[in-house]
Amino acid sequence: MEKEEKIIEMLREKNWHFRHLEKLHGELDQSLHRMGRRRVLTPQEEVQKKEFQKKKLAAKDEMVEMVRQVKIAGKADVEKGAKWLSNMTAGRH
């Protein structure tokens, strides 16, 4: 578990895409929380809620996959693994 936390910290520090996904995930979580406090949602808001849930899950899945990729890359040095992943995601600006 400690190794995974190290990988996440290094991805936060070195990988812009991972930071973007974390920020997006947090923003969607806040929006969903606000929606959840309302008693009734309009049909359009229900659709928006479902979209937010899908996007939040997709962001989480991608972050988990990035951590997994660093792990299976067999990098003994987590920083090198994060740099390797940064190079792999560099084209996603």
PDB file of N, CA and C in Angstrom:
ATOM      1  N   MET A   1       0.824  -1.193   0.000  1.00  0.00           N
ATOM      2  CA  MET A   1       0.000   0.000   0.000  1.00  0.00           C
ATOM      3  C   MET A   1       0.868   1.257   0.000  1.00  0.00           C
ATOM      4  N   GLU A   2       1.943   1.225   0.762  1.00  0.00           N
ATOM      5  CA  GLU A   2       2.826   2.385   0.816  1.00  0.00           C
ATOM      6  C   GLU A   2       3.410   2.692  -0.563  1.00  0.00           C
ATOM      7  N   LYS A   3       3.728   1.647  -1.313  1.00  0.00           N
ATOM      8  CA  LYS A   3       4.278   1.839  -2.652  1.00  0.00           C
ATOM      9  C   LYS A   3       3.249   2.543  -3.546  1.00  0.00           C
ATOM     10  N   GLU A   4       1.992   2.149  -3.430  1.00  0.00           N
ATOM     11  CA  GLU A   4       0.942   2.776  -4.225  1.00  0.00           C
ATOM     12  C   GLU A   4       0.796   4.258  -3.868  1.00  0.00           C
ATOM     13  N   GLU A   5       0.866   4.572  -2.586  1.00  0.00           N
ATOM     14  CA  GLU A   5       0.789   5.971  -2.158  1.00  0.00           C
ATOM     15  C   GLU A   5       1.958   6.773  -2.718  1.00  0.00           C
ATOM     16  N   LYS A   6       3.140   6.167  -2.746  1.00  0.00           N
ATOM     17  CA  LYS A   6       4.311   6.835  -3.329  1.00  0.00           C
ATOM     18  C   LYS A   6       4.096   7.097  -4.815  1.00  0.00           C
ATOM     19  N   ILE A   7       3.549   6.121  -5.497  1.00  0.00           N
ATOM     20  CA  ILE A   7       3.288   6.272  -6.929  1.00  0.00           C
ATOM     21  C   ILE A   7       2.301   7.412  -7.156  1.00  0.00           C
ATOM     22  N   ILE A   8       1.241   7.449  -6.361  1.00  0.00           N
ATOM     23  CA  ILE A   8       0.241   8.508  -6.502  1.00  0.00           C
ATOM     24  C   ILE A   8       0.867   9.873  -6.248  1.00  0.00           C
ATOM     25  N   GLU A   9       1.671   9.990  -5.209  1.00  0.00           N
ATOM     26  CA  GLU A   9       2.333  11.270  -4.917  1.00  0.00           C
ATOM     27  C   GLU A   9       3.240  11.692  -6.064  1.00  0.00           C
ATOM     28  N   MET A  10       3.973  10.739  -6.616  1.00  0.00           N
ATOM     29  CA  MET A  10       4.876  11.076  -7.718  1.00  0.00           C
ATOM     30  C   MET A  10       4.087  11.461  -8.970  1.00  0.00           C
ATOM     31  N   LEU A  11       2.985  10.780  -9.220  1.00  0.00           N
ATOM     32  CA  LEU A  11       2.159  11.145 -10.370  1.00  0.00           C
ATOM     33  C   LEU A  11       1.591  12.546 -10.182  1.00  0.00           C
ATOM     34  N   ARG A  12       1.154  12.860  -8.964  1.00  0.00           N
ATOM     35  CA  ARG A  12       0.652  14.214  -8.692  1.00  0.00           C
ATOM     36  C   ARG A  12       1.720  15.259  -8.983  1.00  0.00           C
ATOM     37  N   GLU A  13       2.915  14.944  -8.582  1.00  0.00           N
ATOM     38  CA  GLU A  13       4.009  15.895  -8.719  1.00  0.00           C
ATOM     39  C   GLU A  13       4.503  16.020 -10.164  1.00  0.00           C
ATOM     40  N   LYS A  14       4.548  14.909 -10.885  1.00  0.00           N
ATOM     41  CA  LYS A  14       5.236  14.891 -12.173  1.00  0.00           C
ATOM     42  C   LYS A  14       4.330  14.771 -13.394  1.00  0.00           C
ATOM     43  N   ASN A  15       3.060  14.439 -13.212  1.00  0.00           N
ATOM     44  CA  ASN A  15       2.227  14.146 -14.371  1.00  0.00           C
ATOM     45  C   ASN A  15       1.031  15.087 -14.416  1.00  0.00           C
ATOM     46  N   TRP A  16       1.009  16.001 -15.380  1.00  0.00           N
ATOM     47  CA  TRP A  16      -0.065  17.002 -15.480  1.00  0.00           C
ATOM     48  C   TRP A  16      -1.423  16.340 -15.705  1.00  0.00           C
ATOM     49  N   HIS A  17      -1.442  15.260 -16.454  1.00  0.00           N
ATOM     50  CA  HIS A  17      -2.713  14.601 -16.762  1.00  0.00           C
ATOM     51  C   HIS A  17      -3.325  13.981 -15.501  1.00  0.00           C
ATOM     52  N   PHE A  18      -2.496  13.388 -14.665  1.00  0.00           N
ATOM     53  CA  PHE A  18      -2.978  12.823 -13.413  1.00  0.00           C
ATOM     54  C   PHE A  18      -3.561  13.928 -12.533  1.00  0.00           C
ATOM     55  N   ARG A  19      -2.863  15.057 -12.446  1.00  0.00           N
ATOM     56  CA  ARG A  19      -3.379  16.199 -11.663  1.00  0.00           C
ATOM     57  C   ARG A  19      -4.711  16.677 -12.228  1.00  0.00           C
ATOM     58  N   HIS A  20      -4.799  16.747 -13.541  1.00  0.00           N
ATOM     59  CA  HIS A  20      -6.046  17.168 -14.193  1.00  0.00           C
ATOM     60  C   HIS A  20      -7.182  16.210 -13.832  1.00  0.00           C
ATOM     61  N   LEU A  21      -6.914  14.915 -13.883  1.00  0.00           N
ATOM     62  CA  LEU A  21      -7.941  13.926 -13.562  1.00  0.00           C
ATOM     63  C   LEU A  21      -8.383  14.037 -12.103  1.00  0.00           C
ATOM     64  N   GLU A  22      -7.424  14.254 -11.204  1.00  0.00           N
ATOM     65  CA  GLU A  22      -7.776  14.416  -9.786  1.00  0.00           C
ATOM     66  C   GLU A  22      -8.651  15.641  -9.570  1.00  0.00           C
ATOM     67  N   LYS A  23      -8.292  16.735 -10.235  1.00  0.00           N
ATOM     68  CA  LYS A  23      -9.071  17.970 -10.103  1.00  0.00           C
ATOM     69  C   LYS A  23     -10.484  17.760 -10.655  1.00  0.00           C
ATOM     70  N   LEU A  24     -10.580  17.171 -11.837  1.00  0.00           N
ATOM     71  CA  LEU A  24     -11.874  16.893 -12.451  1.00  0.00           C
ATOM     72  C   LEU A  24     -12.720  15.997 -11.549  1.00  0.00           C
ATOM     73  N   HIS A  25     -12.118  14.956 -11.018  1.00  0.00           N
ATOM     74  CA  HIS A  25     -12.822  14.026 -10.132  1.00  0.00           C
ATOM     75  C   HIS A  25     -13.384  14.778  -8.919  1.00  0.00           C
ATOM     76  N   GLY A  26     -12.564  15.641  -8.327  1.00  0.00           N
ATOM     77  CA  GLY A  26     -13.010  16.410  -7.166  1.00  0.00           C
ATOM     78  C   GLY A  26     -14.135  17.378  -7.490  1.00  0.00           C
ATOM     79  N   GLU A  27     -14.032  18.044  -8.633  1.00  0.00           N
ATOM     80  CA  GLU A  27     -15.075  18.988  -9.043  1.00  0.00           C
ATOM     81  C   GLU A  27     -16.396  18.271  -9.304  1.00  0.00           C
ATOM     82  N   LEU A  28     -16.317  17.132  -9.968  1.00  0.00           N
ATOM     83  CA  LEU A  28     -17.531  16.352 -10.230  1.00  0.00           C
ATOM     84  C   LEU A  28     -18.134  15.830  -8.930  1.00  0.00           C
ATOM     85  N   ASP A  29     -17.281  15.426  -8.009  1.00  0.00           N
ATOM     86  CA  ASP A  29     -17.759  14.954  -6.713  1.00  0.00           C
ATOM     87  C   ASP A  29     -18.510  16.062  -5.976  1.00  0.00           C
ATOM     88  N   GLN A  30     -17.971  17.270  -6.005  1.00  0.00           N
ATOM     89  CA  GLN A  30     -18.642  18.403  -5.360  1.00  0.00           C
ATOM     90  C   GLN A  30     -19.981  18.699  -6.021  1.00  0.00           C
ATOM     91  N   SER A  31     -20.017  18.678  -7.339  1.00  0.00           N
ATOM     92  CA  SER A  31     -21.267  18.930  -8.057  1.00  0.00           C
ATOM     93  C   SER A  31     -22.311  17.873  -7.720  1.00  0.00           C
ATOM     94  N   LEU A  32     -21.891  16.628  -7.680  1.00  0.00           N
ATOM     95  CA  LEU A  32     -22.814  15.549  -7.338  1.00  0.00           C
ATOM     96  C   LEU A  32     -23.305  15.671  -5.896  1.00  0.00           C
ATOM     97  N   HIS A  33     -22.414  16.101  -5.018  1.00  0.00           N
ATOM     98  CA  HIS A  33     -22.811  16.297  -3.624  1.00  0.00           C
ATOM     99  C   HIS A  33     -23.878  17.395  -3.516  1.00  0.00           C
ATOM    100  N   ARG A  34     -23.665  18.490  -4.245  1.00  0.00           N
ATOM    101  CA  ARG A  34     -24.656  19.581  -4.244  1.00  0.00           C
ATOM    102  C   ARG A  34     -25.992  19.089  -4.802  1.00  0.00           C
ATOM    103  N   MET A  35     -25.941  18.320  -5.876  1.00  0.00           N
ATOM    104  CA  MET A  35     -27.172  17.773  -6.458  1.00  0.00           C
ATOM    105  C   MET A  35     -27.871  16.845  -5.469  1.00  0.00           C
ATOM    106  N   GLY A  36     -27.090  16.088  -4.733  1.00  0.00           N
ATOM    107  CA  GLY A  36     -27.644  15.146  -3.783  1.00  0.00           C
ATOM    108  C   GLY A  36     -28.372  15.801  -2.625  1.00  0.00           C
ATOM    109  N   ARG A  37     -28.059  17.039  -2.348  1.00  0.00           N
ATOM    110  CA  ARG A  37     -28.731  17.758  -1.257  1.00  0.00           C
ATOM    111  C   ARG A  37     -30.102  18.272  -1.672  1.00  0.00           C
ATOM    112  N   ARG A  38     -30.350  18.311  -2.971  1.00  0.00           N
ATOM    113  CA  ARG A  38     -31.652  18.798  -3.449  1.00  0.00           C
ATOM    114  C   ARG A  38     -32.682  17.692  -3.347  1.00  0.00           C
ATOM    115  N   ARG A  39     -33.900  18.088  -3.021  1.00  0.00           N
ATOM    116  CA  ARG A  39     -34.976  17.112  -2.867  1.00  0.00           C
ATOM    117  C   ARG A  39     -35.433  16.561  -4.211  1.00  0.00           C
ATOM    118  N   VAL A  40     -35.516  17.438  -5.203  1.00  0.00           N
ATOM    119  CA  VAL A  40     -36.030  17.037  -6.519  1.00  0.00           C
ATOM    120  C   VAL A  40     -35.126  17.633  -7.591  1.00  0.00           C
ATOM    121  N   LEU A  41     -34.831  16.815  -8.594  1.00  0.00           N
ATOM    122  CA  LEU A  41     -34.061  17.286  -9.746  1.00  0.00           C
ATOM    123  C   LEU A  41     -34.972  17.276 -10.965  1.00  0.00           C
ATOM    124  N   THR A  42     -34.763  18.238 -11.838  1.00  0.00           N
ATOM    125  CA  THR A  42     -35.506  18.260 -13.094  1.00  0.00           C
ATOM    126  C   THR A  42     -35.013  17.097 -13.956  1.00  0.00           C
ATOM    127  N   PRO A  43     -35.757  16.733 -14.976  1.00  0.00           N
ATOM    128  CA  PRO A  43     -35.275  15.668 -15.872  1.00  0.00           C
ATOM    129  C   PRO A  43     -33.903  16.006 -16.483  1.00  0.00           C
ATOM    130  N   GLN A  44     -33.688  17.265 -16.820  1.00  0.00           N
ATOM    131  CA  GLN A  44     -32.395  17.673 -17.379  1.00  0.00           C
ATOM    132  C   GLN A  44     -31.286  17.516 -16.331  1.00  0.00           C
ATOM    133  N   GLU A  45     -31.596  17.841 -15.092  1.00  0.00           N
ATOM    134  CA  GLU A  45     -30.605  17.694 -14.023  1.00  0.00           C
ATOM    135  C   GLU A  45     -30.310  16.221 -13.746  1.00  0.00           C
ATOM    136  N   GLU A  46     -31.319  15.375 -13.881  1.00  0.00           N
ATOM    137  CA  GLU A  46     -31.102  13.933 -13.720  1.00  0.00           C
ATOM    138  C   GLU A  46     -30.134  13.417 -14.781  1.00  0.00           C
ATOM    139  N   VAL A  47     -30.321  13.882 -16.019  1.00  0.00           N
ATOM    140  CA  VAL A  47     -29.418  13.493 -17.110  1.00  0.00           C
ATOM    141  C   VAL A  47     -28.008  14.012 -16.810  1.00  0.00           C
ATOM    142  N   GLN A  48     -27.926  15.262 -16.372  1.00  0.00           N
ATOM    143  CA  GLN A  48     -26.626  15.850 -16.040  1.00  0.00           C
ATOM    144  C   GLN A  48     -25.964  15.080 -14.895  1.00  0.00           C
ATOM    145  N   LYS A  49     -26.737  14.684 -13.914  1.00  0.00           N
ATOM    146  CA  LYS A  49     -26.214  13.910 -12.789  1.00  0.00           C
ATOM    147  C   LYS A  49     -25.602  12.596 -13.278  1.00  0.00           C
ATOM    148  N   LYS A  50     -26.309  11.916 -14.163  1.00  0.00           N
ATOM    149  CA  LYS A  50     -25.791  10.653 -14.709  1.00  0.00           C
ATOM    150  C   LYS A  50     -24.489  10.879 -15.492  1.00  0.00           C
ATOM    151  N   GLU A  51     -24.440  11.964 -16.246  1.00  0.00           N
ATOM    152  CA  GLU A  51     -23.226  12.294 -16.992  1.00  0.00           C
ATOM    153  C   GLU A  51     -22.062  12.576 -16.044  1.00  0.00           C
ATOM    154  N   PHE A  52     -22.337  13.333 -14.998  1.00  0.00           N
ATOM    155  CA  PHE A  52     -21.306  13.626 -13.997  1.00  0.00           C
ATOM    156  C   PHE A  52     -20.800  12.336 -13.353  1.00  0.00           C
ATOM    157  N   GLN A  53     -21.721  11.429 -13.032  1.00  0.00           N
ATOM    158  CA  GLN A  53     -21.327  10.156 -12.429  1.00  0.00           C
ATOM    159  C   GLN A  53     -20.436   9.352 -13.370  1.00  0.00           C
ATOM    160  N   LYS A  54     -20.796   9.322 -14.645  1.00  0.00           N
ATOM    161  CA  LYS A  54     -19.995   8.591 -15.634  1.00  0.00           C
ATOM    162  C   LYS A  54     -18.611   9.213 -15.780  1.00  0.00           C
ATOM    163  N   LYS A  55     -18.550  10.536 -15.857  1.00  0.00           N
ATOM    164  CA  LYS A  55     -17.264  11.224 -16.012  1.00  0.00           C
ATOM    165  C   LYS A  55     -16.389  11.043 -14.779  1.00  0.00           C
ATOM    166  N   LYS A  56     -17.012  11.098 -13.607  1.00  0.00           N
ATOM    167  CA  LYS A  56     -16.259  10.913 -12.362  1.00  0.00           C
ATOM    168  C   LYS A  56     -15.661   9.515 -12.317  1.00  0.00           C
ATOM    169  N   LEU A  57     -16.470   8.511 -12.650  1.00  0.00           N
ATOM    170  CA  LEU A  57     -15.989   7.134 -12.663  1.00  0.00           C
ATOM    171  C   LEU A  57     -14.884   6.942 -13.708  1.00  0.00           C
ATOM    172  N   ALA A  58     -15.048   7.539 -14.871  1.00  0.00           N
ATOM    173  CA  ALA A  58     -14.028   7.427 -15.919  1.00  0.00           C
ATOM    174  C   ALA A  58     -12.714   8.052 -15.465  1.00  0.00           C
ATOM    175  N   ALA A  59     -12.786   9.194 -14.781  1.00  0.00           N
ATOM    176  CA  ALA A  59     -11.571   9.843 -14.276  1.00  0.00           C
ATOM    177  C   ALA A  59     -10.889   8.940 -13.248  1.00  0.00           C
ATOM    178  N   LYS A  60     -11.671   8.377 -12.350  1.00  0.00           N
ATOM    179  CA  LYS A  60     -11.122   7.479 -11.326  1.00  0.00           C
ATOM    180  C   LYS A  60     -10.494   6.251 -11.972  1.00  0.00           C
ATOM    181  N   ASP A  61     -11.201   5.665 -12.927  1.00  0.00           N
ATOM    182  CA  ASP A  61     -10.667   4.494 -13.622  1.00  0.00           C
ATOM    183  C   ASP A  61      -9.345   4.799 -14.304  1.00  0.00           C
ATOM    184  N   GLU A  62      -9.258   5.971 -14.921  1.00  0.00           N
ATOM    185  CA  GLU A  62      -8.020   6.337 -15.616  1.00  0.00           C
ATOM    186  C   GLU A  62      -6.879   6.552 -14.624  1.00  0.00           C
ATOM    187  N   MET A  63      -7.173   7.172 -13.480  1.00  0.00           N
ATOM    188  CA  MET A  63      -6.119   7.355 -12.468  1.00  0.00           C
ATOM    189  C   MET A  63      -5.628   6.005 -11.948  1.00  0.00           C
ATOM    190  N   VAL A  64      -6.561   5.095 -11.682  1.00  0.00           N
ATOM    191  CA  VAL A  64      -6.188   3.760 -11.209  1.00  0.00           C
ATOM    192  C   VAL A  64      -5.341   3.051 -12.258  1.00  0.00           C
ATOM    193  N   GLU A  65      -5.712   3.201 -13.520  1.00  0.00           N
ATOM    194  CA  GLU A  65      -4.941   2.577 -14.601  1.00  0.00           C
ATOM    195  C   GLU A  65      -3.535   3.172 -14.696  1.00  0.00           C
ATOM    196  N   MET A  66      -3.414   4.469 -14.490  1.00  0.00           N
ATOM    197  CA  MET A  66      -2.091   5.099 -14.536  1.00  0.00           C
ATOM    198  C   MET A  66      -1.205   4.540 -13.427  1.00  0.00           C
ATOM    199  N   VAL A  67      -1.748   4.391 -12.230  1.00  0.00           N
ATOM    200  CA  VAL A  67      -0.988   3.816 -11.115  1.00  0.00           C
ATOM    201  C   VAL A  67      -0.592   2.385 -11.466  1.00  0.00           C
ATOM    202  N   ARG A  68      -1.528   1.640 -12.011  1.00  0.00           N
ATOM    203  CA  ARG A  68      -1.254   0.249 -12.392  1.00  0.00           C
ATOM    204  C   ARG A  68      -0.146   0.171 -13.436  1.00  0.00           C
ATOM    205  N   GLN A  69      -0.189   1.068 -14.405  1.00  0.00           N
ATOM    206  CA  GLN A  69       0.833   1.069 -15.457  1.00  0.00           C
ATOM    207  C   GLN A  69       2.224   1.333 -14.890  1.00  0.00           C
ATOM    208  N   VAL A  70       2.319   2.246 -13.940  1.00  0.00           N
ATOM    209  CA  VAL A  70       3.620   2.500 -13.314  1.00  0.00           C
ATOM    210  C   VAL A  70       4.077   1.253 -12.566  1.00  0.00           C
ATOM    211  N   LYS A  71       3.151   0.605 -11.871  1.00  0.00           N
ATOM    212  CA  LYS A  71       3.499  -0.612 -11.121  1.00  0.00           C
ATOM    213  C   LYS A  71       4.007  -1.709 -12.047  1.00  0.00           C
ATOM    214  N   ILE A  72       3.277  -1.976 -13.135  1.00  0.00           N
ATOM    215  CA  ILE A  72       3.662  -3.099 -13.989  1.00  0.00           C
ATOM    216  C   ILE A  72       4.824  -2.771 -14.908  1.00  0.00           C
ATOM    217  N   ALA A  73       5.171  -1.500 -14.989  1.00  0.00           N
ATOM    218  CA  ALA A  73       6.329  -1.144 -15.809  1.00  0.00           C
ATOM    219  C   ALA A  73       7.602  -1.691 -15.186  1.00  0.00           C
ATOM    220  N   GLY A  74       7.474  -2.181 -13.947  1.00  0.00           N
ATOM    221  CA  GLY A  74       8.623  -2.805 -13.297  1.00  0.00           C
ATOM    222  C   GLY A  74       9.678  -1.810 -12.897  1.00  0.00           C
ATOM    223  N   LYS A  75       9.260  -0.582 -12.697  1.00  0.00           N
ATOM    224  CA  LYS A  75      10.221   0.446 -12.332  1.00  0.00           C
ATOM    225  C   LYS A  75      10.507   0.350 -10.843  1.00  0.00           C
ATOM    226  N   ALA A  76      11.750   0.074 -10.500  1.00  0.00           N
ATOM    227  CA  ALA A  76      12.134   0.032  -9.089  1.00  0.00           C
ATOM    228  C   ALA A  76      12.073   1.442  -8.509  1.00  0.00           C
ATOM    229  N   ASP A  77      12.383   2.406  -9.335  1.00  0.00           N
ATOM    230  CA  ASP A  77      12.371   3.801  -8.905  1.00  0.00           C
ATOM    231  C   ASP A  77      11.044   4.415  -9.321  1.00  0.00           C
ATOM    232  N   VAL A  78      10.219   4.761  -8.357  1.00  0.00           N
ATOM    233  CA  VAL A  78       8.890   5.290  -8.632  1.00  0.00           C
ATOM    234  C   VAL A  78       8.962   6.567  -9.450  1.00  0.00           C
ATOM    235  N   GLU A  79       9.945   7.390  -9.200  1.00  0.00           N
ATOM    236  CA  GLU A  79      10.079   8.642  -9.945  1.00  0.00           C
ATOM    237  C   GLU A  79      10.319   8.364 -11.429  1.00  0.00           C
ATOM    238  N   LYS A  80      11.140   7.387 -11.733  1.00  0.00           N
ATOM    239  CA  LYS A  80      11.355   7.026 -13.137  1.00  0.00           C
ATOM    240  C   LYS A  80      10.065   6.507 -13.754  1.00  0.00           C
ATOM    241  N   GLY A  81       9.306   5.755 -12.979  1.00  0.00           N
ATOM    242  CA  GLY A  81       8.024   5.252 -13.473  1.00  0.00           C
ATOM    243  C   GLY A  81       7.057   6.374 -13.770  1.00  0.00           C
ATOM    244  N   ALA A  82       7.011   7.383 -12.903  1.00  0.00           N
ATOM    245  CA  ALA A  82       6.129   8.529 -13.125  1.00  0.00           C
ATOM    246  C   ALA A  82       6.589   9.318 -14.342  1.00  0.00           C
ATOM    247  N   LYS A  83       7.896   9.456 -14.508  1.00  0.00           N
ATOM    248  CA  LYS A  83       8.418  10.165 -15.675  1.00  0.00           C
ATOM    249  C   LYS A  83       8.096   9.390 -16.946  1.00  0.00           C
ATOM    250  N   TRP A  84       8.237   8.078 -16.889  1.00  0.00           N
ATOM    251  CA  TRP A  84       7.900   7.229 -18.036  1.00  0.00           C
ATOM    252  C   TRP A  84       6.441   7.425 -18.416  1.00  0.00           C
ATOM    253  N   LEU A  85       5.549   7.444 -17.414  1.00  0.00           N
ATOM    254  CA  LEU A  85       4.124   7.610 -17.692  1.00  0.00           C
ATOM    255  C   LEU A  85       3.864   9.010 -18.238  1.00  0.00           C
ATOM    256  N   SER A  86       4.563  10.019 -17.727  1.00  0.00           N
ATOM    257  CA  SER A  86       4.405  11.378 -18.247  1.00  0.00           C
ATOM    258  C   SER A  86       4.726  11.417 -19.732  1.00  0.00           C
ATOM    259  N   ASN A  87       5.774  10.726 -20.100  1.00  0.00           N
ATOM    260  CA  ASN A  87       6.132  10.672 -21.517  1.00  0.00           C
ATOM    261  C   ASN A  87       5.053   9.970 -22.333  1.00  0.00           C
ATOM    262  N   MET A  88       4.423   8.959 -21.746  1.00  0.00           N
ATOM    263  CA  MET A  88       3.367   8.223 -22.454  1.00  0.00           C
ATOM    264  C   MET A  88       2.111   9.072 -22.641  1.00  0.00           C
ATOM    265  N   THR A  89       1.841  10.005 -21.709  1.00  0.00           N
ATOM    266  CA  THR A  89       0.632  10.813 -21.771  1.00  0.00           C
ATOM    267  C   THR A  89       0.914  12.220 -22.273  1.00  0.00           C
ATOM    268  N   ALA A  90       2.114  12.493 -22.719  1.00  0.00           N
ATOM    269  CA  ALA A  90       2.498  13.851 -23.141  1.00  0.00           C
ATOM    270  C   ALA A  90       1.650  14.397 -24.268  1.00  0.00           C
ATOM    271  N   GLY A  91       1.129  13.567 -25.095  1.00  0.00           N
ATOM    272  CA  GLY A  91       0.337  14.026 -26.228  1.00  0.00           C
ATOM    273  C   GLY A  91      -1.100  14.381 -25.910  1.00  0.00           C
ATOM    274  N   ARG A  92      -1.480  14.375 -24.653  1.00  0.00           N
ATOM    275  CA  ARG A  92      -2.881  14.608 -24.273  1.00  0.00           C
ATOM    276  C   ARG A  92      -3.198  16.027 -23.877  1.00  0.00           C
ATOM    277  N   HIS A  93      -2.355  16.987 -24.189  1.00  0.00           N
ATOM    278  CA  HIS A  93      -2.623  18.389 -23.801  1.00  0.00           C
ATOM    279  C   HIS A  93      -3.907  18.784 -24.359  1.00  0.00           C
TER     280      HIS A  93
END
